[in-house]
Amino acid sequence: MASGGGPVLSFELRQDVLYVRLPAEVADWETAREAVQQLQSLVRTHSPNALAVDLQEVLHMQSELLGVLVAIARDAVAAGGYVELQNCPKALREVLRVTRVQSLFRMPDAAPQPSRPDAPPSAADAAPDENTMV
C-alpha cells in the first residue's frame, strides 16, 4: 500500500552511482506514483553518472514507472551514463524487448538476447534463475 508521502524507495549514492531498490508495492498505482516522484527527485538532486535499480522484489510494475525508467535511461545514455536493471524479472525483460527499449539498459543478470528479434530462443537464451543475485 502507499505510504502516504513517506519514503517508498531505499537508495544509496556510491562513487557517482545511485543505487535504488524498488519495493514490491510498486505494482500498487499510488505507491508507483510516489516511487516515480521520488526517483525523479533523486536523479535531479544527485545527478549521478549511473543509476542501478534493484528489481528483486518487483513482481509487477505500473507503466508510468516503466516510462520514467525509460526516460531516465535515455537521458543517461545521451550524457554518457547508464541505467542498470539488477534482478530484472523475466516478464519485464520481455516487455523491454518487445517495446525495443532493452538496449537502453544494462541487465547483468539477463540472458543474452537472440541476434534477430524474430529468432526463436535457443537453450543458451534461457533466463537465469530468478533468485540469482548480482
N, C-alpha and C. Protein backbone atom coordinates (compact mmCIF):
# COMPACT_ATOMS: atom_id res chain seq x y z
N MET A 1 0.81 -1.19 0.00
CA MET A 1 0.00 0.00 0.00
C MET A 1 0.86 1.25 0.00
N ALA A 2 0.30 2.33 -0.40
CA ALA A 2 1.02 3.59 -0.44
C ALA A 2 1.36 4.03 0.96
N SER A 3 2.46 4.73 1.06
CA SER A 3 2.93 5.15 2.36
C SER A 3 2.47 6.55 2.73
N GLY A 4 1.61 7.17 1.94
CA GLY A 4 1.09 8.49 2.27
C GLY A 4 2.14 9.57 2.22
N GLY A 5 3.06 9.51 1.29
CA GLY A 5 4.06 10.55 1.14
C GLY A 5 5.40 10.21 1.76
N GLY A 6 5.47 9.12 2.51
CA GLY A 6 6.73 8.71 3.12
C GLY A 6 7.63 8.05 2.11
N PRO A 7 8.84 7.71 2.53
CA PRO A 7 9.78 7.08 1.60
C PRO A 7 9.24 5.76 1.06
N VAL A 8 9.33 5.60 -0.24
CA VAL A 8 8.96 4.36 -0.90
C VAL A 8 10.24 3.63 -1.32
N LEU A 9 11.21 4.41 -1.78
CA LEU A 9 12.45 3.85 -2.29
C LEU A 9 13.54 3.90 -1.24
N SER A 10 14.37 2.87 -1.22
CA SER A 10 15.60 2.97 -0.44
C SER A 10 16.72 3.21 -1.46
N PHE A 11 17.69 4.04 -1.07
CA PHE A 11 18.75 4.37 -2.02
C PHE A 11 20.06 4.63 -1.31
N GLU A 12 21.13 4.60 -2.10
CA GLU A 12 22.47 4.90 -1.63
C GLU A 12 23.26 5.46 -2.81
N LEU A 13 24.06 6.48 -2.56
CA LEU A 13 24.93 7.04 -3.58
C LEU A 13 26.36 6.64 -3.26
N ARG A 14 27.00 5.91 -4.19
CA ARG A 14 28.40 5.49 -4.03
C ARG A 14 29.15 5.73 -5.32
N GLN A 15 30.24 6.47 -5.24
CA GLN A 15 31.11 6.73 -6.38
C GLN A 15 30.32 7.12 -7.62
N ASP A 16 29.44 8.08 -7.47
CA ASP A 16 28.64 8.66 -8.55
C ASP A 16 27.68 7.66 -9.21
N VAL A 17 27.36 6.59 -8.48
CA VAL A 17 26.33 5.65 -8.93
C VAL A 17 25.22 5.68 -7.88
N LEU A 18 24.01 5.95 -8.32
CA LEU A 18 22.87 5.96 -7.42
C LEU A 18 22.24 4.57 -7.44
N TYR A 19 22.26 3.90 -6.30
CA TYR A 19 21.68 2.56 -6.16
C TYR A 19 20.30 2.72 -5.53
N VAL A 20 19.27 2.21 -6.22
CA VAL A 20 17.90 2.32 -5.75
C VAL A 20 17.27 0.94 -5.71
N ARG A 21 16.55 0.66 -4.65
CA ARG A 21 15.81 -0.61 -4.54
C ARG A 21 14.33 -0.29 -4.59
N LEU A 22 13.64 -0.89 -5.56
CA LEU A 22 12.19 -0.71 -5.68
C LEU A 22 11.49 -1.76 -4.83
N PRO A 23 10.47 -1.36 -4.07
CA PRO A 23 9.73 -2.33 -3.27
C PRO A 23 8.70 -3.07 -4.11
N ALA A 24 8.22 -4.18 -3.59
CA ALA A 24 7.20 -4.97 -4.29
C ALA A 24 5.93 -4.16 -4.51
N GLU A 25 5.68 -3.19 -3.65
CA GLU A 25 4.44 -2.42 -3.71
C GLU A 25 4.34 -1.50 -4.92
N VAL A 26 5.37 -1.39 -5.77
CA VAL A 26 5.27 -0.50 -6.94
C VAL A 26 4.21 -0.99 -7.91
N ALA A 27 3.67 -2.18 -7.68
CA ALA A 27 2.55 -2.65 -8.51
C ALA A 27 1.28 -1.90 -8.16
N ASP A 28 1.22 -1.36 -6.95
CA ASP A 28 0.09 -0.56 -6.50
C ASP A 28 0.20 0.83 -7.14
N TRP A 29 -0.88 1.31 -7.74
CA TRP A 29 -0.86 2.55 -8.50
C TRP A 29 -0.36 3.73 -7.68
N GLU A 30 -0.87 3.90 -6.47
CA GLU A 30 -0.49 5.05 -5.63
C GLU A 30 0.98 4.98 -5.23
N THR A 31 1.44 3.80 -4.85
CA THR A 31 2.84 3.63 -4.47
C THR A 31 3.74 3.85 -5.68
N ALA A 32 3.32 3.38 -6.85
CA ALA A 32 4.10 3.59 -8.07
C ALA A 32 4.23 5.08 -8.35
N ARG A 33 3.17 5.84 -8.15
CA ARG A 33 3.21 7.30 -8.37
C ARG A 33 4.22 7.95 -7.42
N GLU A 34 4.21 7.53 -6.15
CA GLU A 34 5.18 8.06 -5.19
C GLU A 34 6.60 7.67 -5.59
N ALA A 35 6.78 6.43 -6.04
CA ALA A 35 8.10 5.97 -6.47
C ALA A 35 8.60 6.79 -7.65
N VAL A 36 7.71 7.09 -8.59
CA VAL A 36 8.08 7.92 -9.75
C VAL A 36 8.59 9.27 -9.28
N GLN A 37 7.84 9.92 -8.39
CA GLN A 37 8.24 11.24 -7.90
C GLN A 37 9.56 11.18 -7.16
N GLN A 38 9.74 10.17 -6.33
CA GLN A 38 10.99 10.04 -5.57
C GLN A 38 12.17 9.74 -6.49
N LEU A 39 11.98 8.87 -7.46
CA LEU A 39 13.06 8.53 -8.37
C LEU A 39 13.48 9.76 -9.18
N GLN A 40 12.52 10.49 -9.71
CA GLN A 40 12.84 11.70 -10.47
C GLN A 40 13.57 12.71 -9.58
N SER A 41 13.13 12.88 -8.36
CA SER A 41 13.77 13.80 -7.43
C SER A 41 15.20 13.37 -7.10
N LEU A 42 15.40 12.07 -6.87
CA LEU A 42 16.75 11.57 -6.57
C LEU A 42 17.70 11.82 -7.72
N VAL A 43 17.24 11.57 -8.93
CA VAL A 43 18.10 11.76 -10.11
C VAL A 43 18.42 13.24 -10.28
N ARG A 44 17.42 14.12 -10.12
CA ARG A 44 17.66 15.57 -10.23
C ARG A 44 18.62 16.05 -9.14
N THR A 45 18.43 15.60 -7.92
CA THR A 45 19.22 16.06 -6.78
C THR A 45 20.67 15.60 -6.88
N HIS A 46 20.88 14.33 -7.21
CA HIS A 46 22.23 13.76 -7.16
C HIS A 46 22.95 13.76 -8.50
N SER A 47 22.25 13.90 -9.60
CA SER A 47 22.84 13.89 -10.96
C SER A 47 23.92 12.82 -11.10
N PRO A 48 23.58 11.57 -10.84
CA PRO A 48 24.60 10.51 -10.92
C PRO A 48 24.98 10.22 -12.37
N ASN A 49 26.19 9.65 -12.54
CA ASN A 49 26.60 9.18 -13.86
C ASN A 49 25.88 7.89 -14.22
N ALA A 50 25.46 7.17 -13.20
CA ALA A 50 24.79 5.90 -13.42
C ALA A 50 23.73 5.68 -12.37
N LEU A 51 22.72 4.93 -12.76
CA LEU A 51 21.63 4.55 -11.86
C LEU A 51 21.52 3.04 -11.90
N ALA A 52 21.59 2.41 -10.75
CA ALA A 52 21.41 0.95 -10.64
C ALA A 52 20.12 0.71 -9.87
N VAL A 53 19.17 0.06 -10.52
CA VAL A 53 17.85 -0.17 -9.92
C VAL A 53 17.69 -1.66 -9.63
N ASP A 54 17.52 -1.98 -8.37
CA ASP A 54 17.33 -3.38 -7.96
C ASP A 54 15.84 -3.69 -7.99
N LEU A 55 15.47 -4.64 -8.83
CA LEU A 55 14.07 -5.02 -9.03
C LEU A 55 13.74 -6.37 -8.40
N GLN A 56 14.58 -6.82 -7.49
CA GLN A 56 14.41 -8.17 -6.93
C GLN A 56 13.03 -8.40 -6.33
N GLU A 57 12.46 -7.40 -5.67
CA GLU A 57 11.16 -7.57 -5.01
C GLU A 57 9.97 -7.30 -5.93
N VAL A 58 10.23 -6.76 -7.12
CA VAL A 58 9.16 -6.31 -8.00
C VAL A 58 8.59 -7.47 -8.81
N LEU A 59 7.28 -7.68 -8.68
CA LEU A 59 6.59 -8.70 -9.46
C LEU A 59 5.83 -8.07 -10.63
N HIS A 60 5.30 -6.87 -10.42
CA HIS A 60 4.57 -6.13 -11.45
C HIS A 60 5.00 -4.67 -11.35
N MET A 61 4.95 -3.96 -12.48
CA MET A 61 5.35 -2.56 -12.49
C MET A 61 4.32 -1.75 -13.25
N GLN A 62 3.92 -0.64 -12.69
CA GLN A 62 3.00 0.27 -13.36
C GLN A 62 3.70 0.87 -14.57
N SER A 63 2.95 1.11 -15.64
CA SER A 63 3.53 1.64 -16.87
C SER A 63 4.15 3.02 -16.68
N GLU A 64 3.59 3.82 -15.77
CA GLU A 64 4.15 5.16 -15.52
C GLU A 64 5.59 5.05 -15.00
N LEU A 65 5.84 4.13 -14.08
CA LEU A 65 7.17 3.93 -13.54
C LEU A 65 8.11 3.41 -14.62
N LEU A 66 7.64 2.49 -15.43
CA LEU A 66 8.46 1.99 -16.54
C LEU A 66 8.81 3.12 -17.49
N GLY A 67 7.85 3.99 -17.79
CA GLY A 67 8.10 5.13 -18.66
C GLY A 67 9.15 6.06 -18.10
N VAL A 68 9.13 6.27 -16.78
CA VAL A 68 10.14 7.13 -16.15
C VAL A 68 11.51 6.48 -16.24
N LEU A 69 11.59 5.17 -16.02
CA LEU A 69 12.87 4.48 -16.15
C LEU A 69 13.43 4.60 -17.57
N VAL A 70 12.56 4.49 -18.56
CA VAL A 70 12.99 4.64 -19.96
C VAL A 70 13.49 6.06 -20.21
N ALA A 71 12.76 7.06 -19.73
CA ALA A 71 13.17 8.46 -19.92
C ALA A 71 14.51 8.74 -19.24
N ILE A 72 14.68 8.24 -18.02
CA ILE A 72 15.94 8.43 -17.30
C ILE A 72 17.07 7.73 -18.03
N ALA A 73 16.80 6.52 -18.55
CA ALA A 73 17.83 5.78 -19.29
C ALA A 73 18.23 6.52 -20.56
N ARG A 74 17.27 7.06 -21.28
CA ARG A 74 17.59 7.82 -22.50
C ARG A 74 18.47 9.01 -22.17
N ASP A 75 18.12 9.75 -21.11
CA ASP A 75 18.92 10.90 -20.69
C ASP A 75 20.32 10.46 -20.27
N ALA A 76 20.40 9.36 -19.53
CA ALA A 76 21.69 8.87 -19.05
C ALA A 76 22.59 8.46 -20.20
N VAL A 77 22.04 7.73 -21.17
CA VAL A 77 22.82 7.29 -22.33
C VAL A 77 23.30 8.50 -23.13
N ALA A 78 22.42 9.48 -23.32
CA ALA A 78 22.80 10.69 -24.06
C ALA A 78 23.92 11.45 -23.36
N ALA A 79 23.98 11.36 -22.03
CA ALA A 79 25.01 12.06 -21.26
C ALA A 79 26.25 11.20 -21.01
N GLY A 80 26.28 10.00 -21.61
CA GLY A 80 27.43 9.12 -21.43
C GLY A 80 27.33 8.21 -20.22
N GLY A 81 26.18 8.18 -19.56
CA GLY A 81 25.99 7.32 -18.40
C GLY A 81 25.19 6.09 -18.76
N TYR A 82 24.59 5.47 -17.75
CA TYR A 82 23.79 4.28 -18.00
C TYR A 82 22.83 4.03 -16.85
N VAL A 83 21.84 3.19 -17.13
CA VAL A 83 20.93 2.68 -16.11
C VAL A 83 21.04 1.17 -16.15
N GLU A 84 21.29 0.60 -15.00
CA GLU A 84 21.42 -0.85 -14.88
C GLU A 84 20.22 -1.38 -14.10
N LEU A 85 19.54 -2.36 -14.66
CA LEU A 85 18.42 -3.02 -14.00
C LEU A 85 18.93 -4.33 -13.42
N GLN A 86 19.01 -4.38 -12.11
CA GLN A 86 19.51 -5.57 -11.42
C GLN A 86 18.34 -6.45 -11.02
N ASN A 87 18.52 -7.75 -11.12
CA ASN A 87 17.49 -8.72 -10.75
C ASN A 87 16.18 -8.44 -11.49
N CYS A 88 16.29 -8.14 -12.76
CA CYS A 88 15.14 -7.79 -13.58
C CYS A 88 14.30 -9.04 -13.87
N PRO A 89 13.01 -9.02 -13.48
CA PRO A 89 12.16 -10.19 -13.73
C PRO A 89 12.05 -10.50 -15.22
N LYS A 90 11.90 -11.77 -15.52
CA LYS A 90 11.81 -12.22 -16.91
C LYS A 90 10.68 -11.51 -17.66
N ALA A 91 9.53 -11.32 -17.02
CA ALA A 91 8.40 -10.66 -17.68
C ALA A 91 8.73 -9.22 -18.06
N LEU A 92 9.44 -8.52 -17.20
CA LEU A 92 9.82 -7.14 -17.51
C LEU A 92 10.87 -7.10 -18.62
N ARG A 93 11.81 -8.03 -18.61
CA ARG A 93 12.79 -8.10 -19.71
C ARG A 93 12.08 -8.30 -21.03
N GLU A 94 11.02 -9.11 -21.02
CA GLU A 94 10.27 -9.36 -22.25
C GLU A 94 9.54 -8.09 -22.70
N VAL A 95 8.97 -7.35 -21.77
CA VAL A 95 8.31 -6.08 -22.13
C VAL A 95 9.33 -5.12 -22.74
N LEU A 96 10.50 -5.02 -22.16
CA LEU A 96 11.55 -4.14 -22.69
C LEU A 96 11.99 -4.59 -24.08
N ARG A 97 12.05 -5.91 -24.30
CA ARG A 97 12.45 -6.42 -25.60
C ARG A 97 11.37 -6.12 -26.65
N VAL A 98 10.13 -6.40 -26.32
CA VAL A 98 9.02 -6.20 -27.27
C VAL A 98 8.88 -4.72 -27.63
N THR A 99 9.08 -3.85 -26.66
CA THR A 99 8.96 -2.41 -26.92
C THR A 99 10.25 -1.81 -27.48
N ARG A 100 11.24 -2.65 -27.68
CA ARG A 100 12.52 -2.28 -28.30
C ARG A 100 13.28 -1.18 -27.54
N VAL A 101 13.20 -1.23 -26.22
CA VAL A 101 13.98 -0.27 -25.42
C VAL A 101 15.01 -0.98 -24.54
N GLN A 102 15.12 -2.30 -24.65
CA GLN A 102 16.06 -3.04 -23.80
C GLN A 102 17.49 -2.58 -23.98
N SER A 103 17.84 -2.05 -25.15
CA SER A 103 19.21 -1.61 -25.39
C SER A 103 19.57 -0.37 -24.57
N LEU A 104 18.58 0.30 -24.00
CA LEU A 104 18.85 1.46 -23.15
C LEU A 104 19.38 1.06 -21.77
N PHE A 105 19.19 -0.20 -21.41
CA PHE A 105 19.52 -0.66 -20.07
C PHE A 105 20.63 -1.70 -20.07
N ARG A 106 21.40 -1.68 -19.01
CA ARG A 106 22.30 -2.79 -18.73
C ARG A 106 21.54 -3.74 -17.82
N MET A 107 21.62 -5.02 -18.13
CA MET A 107 20.95 -6.03 -17.31
C MET A 107 21.92 -7.18 -17.08
N PRO A 108 22.76 -7.06 -16.06
CA PRO A 108 23.83 -8.06 -15.87
C PRO A 108 23.32 -9.46 -15.59
N ASP A 109 22.11 -9.60 -15.09
CA ASP A 109 21.59 -10.93 -14.78
C ASP A 109 20.67 -11.46 -15.86
N ALA A 110 20.58 -10.76 -16.98
CA ALA A 110 19.72 -11.19 -18.08
C ALA A 110 20.46 -12.14 -19.00
N ALA A 111 19.73 -13.06 -19.55
CA ALA A 111 20.31 -13.97 -20.54
C ALA A 111 20.56 -13.21 -21.83
N PRO A 112 21.54 -13.63 -22.63
CA PRO A 112 21.77 -12.97 -23.92
C PRO A 112 20.52 -13.05 -24.79
N GLN A 113 20.27 -11.99 -25.53
CA GLN A 113 19.12 -11.95 -26.43
C GLN A 113 19.51 -12.58 -27.77
N PRO A 114 18.54 -13.18 -28.48
CA PRO A 114 18.83 -13.71 -29.81
C PRO A 114 19.33 -12.57 -30.71
N SER A 115 20.15 -12.90 -31.69
CA SER A 115 20.72 -11.87 -32.56
C SER A 115 19.67 -11.20 -33.42
N ARG A 116 18.59 -11.90 -33.76
CA ARG A 116 17.49 -11.32 -34.53
C ARG A 116 16.26 -11.28 -33.64
N PRO A 117 15.50 -10.17 -33.66
CA PRO A 117 14.31 -10.08 -32.80
C PRO A 117 13.30 -11.19 -33.07
N ASP A 118 13.24 -11.70 -34.30
CA ASP A 118 12.26 -12.73 -34.62
C ASP A 118 12.83 -14.14 -34.52
N ALA A 119 14.09 -14.27 -34.09
CA ALA A 119 14.71 -15.59 -33.97
C ALA A 119 14.13 -16.33 -32.77
N PRO A 120 13.87 -17.63 -32.92
CA PRO A 120 13.36 -18.39 -31.78
C PRO A 120 14.46 -18.51 -30.72
N PRO A 121 14.08 -18.52 -29.45
CA PRO A 121 15.10 -18.64 -28.41
C PRO A 121 15.74 -20.02 -28.44
N SER A 122 17.00 -20.07 -28.10
CA SER A 122 17.71 -21.34 -28.01
C SER A 122 17.90 -21.67 -26.54
N ALA A 123 18.47 -22.82 -26.27
CA ALA A 123 18.73 -23.21 -24.88
C ALA A 123 19.67 -22.21 -24.22
N ALA A 124 20.58 -21.64 -24.97
CA ALA A 124 21.52 -20.66 -24.43
C ALA A 124 20.83 -19.37 -24.06
N ASP A 125 19.62 -19.13 -24.60
CA ASP A 125 18.88 -17.91 -24.31
C ASP A 125 17.96 -18.05 -23.10
N ALA A 126 17.98 -19.19 -22.45
CA ALA A 126 17.10 -19.42 -21.31
C ALA A 126 17.41 -18.39 -20.22
N ALA A 127 16.37 -17.96 -19.52
CA ALA A 127 16.54 -16.96 -18.45
C ALA A 127 17.29 -17.58 -17.28
N PRO A 128 18.07 -16.77 -16.59
CA PRO A 128 18.77 -17.27 -15.40
C PRO A 128 17.77 -17.48 -14.27
N ASP A 129 18.20 -18.18 -13.27
CA ASP A 129 17.37 -18.38 -12.09
C ASP A 129 16.97 -17.03 -11.53
N GLU A 130 15.67 -16.82 -11.26
CA GLU A 130 15.17 -15.53 -10.79
C GLU A 130 15.75 -15.14 -9.43
N ASN A 131 16.31 -16.09 -8.68
CA ASN A 131 16.84 -15.78 -7.37
C ASN A 131 18.33 -15.42 -7.41
N THR A 132 18.93 -15.40 -8.58
CA THR A 132 20.34 -15.10 -8.72
C THR A 132 20.61 -13.66 -8.36
N MET A 133 21.57 -13.43 -7.49
CA MET A 133 21.96 -12.07 -7.10
C MET A 133 23.12 -11.61 -7.96
N VAL A 134 23.21 -10.32 -8.17
CA VAL A 134 24.31 -9.74 -8.94
C VAL A 134 25.39 -9.30 -8.01
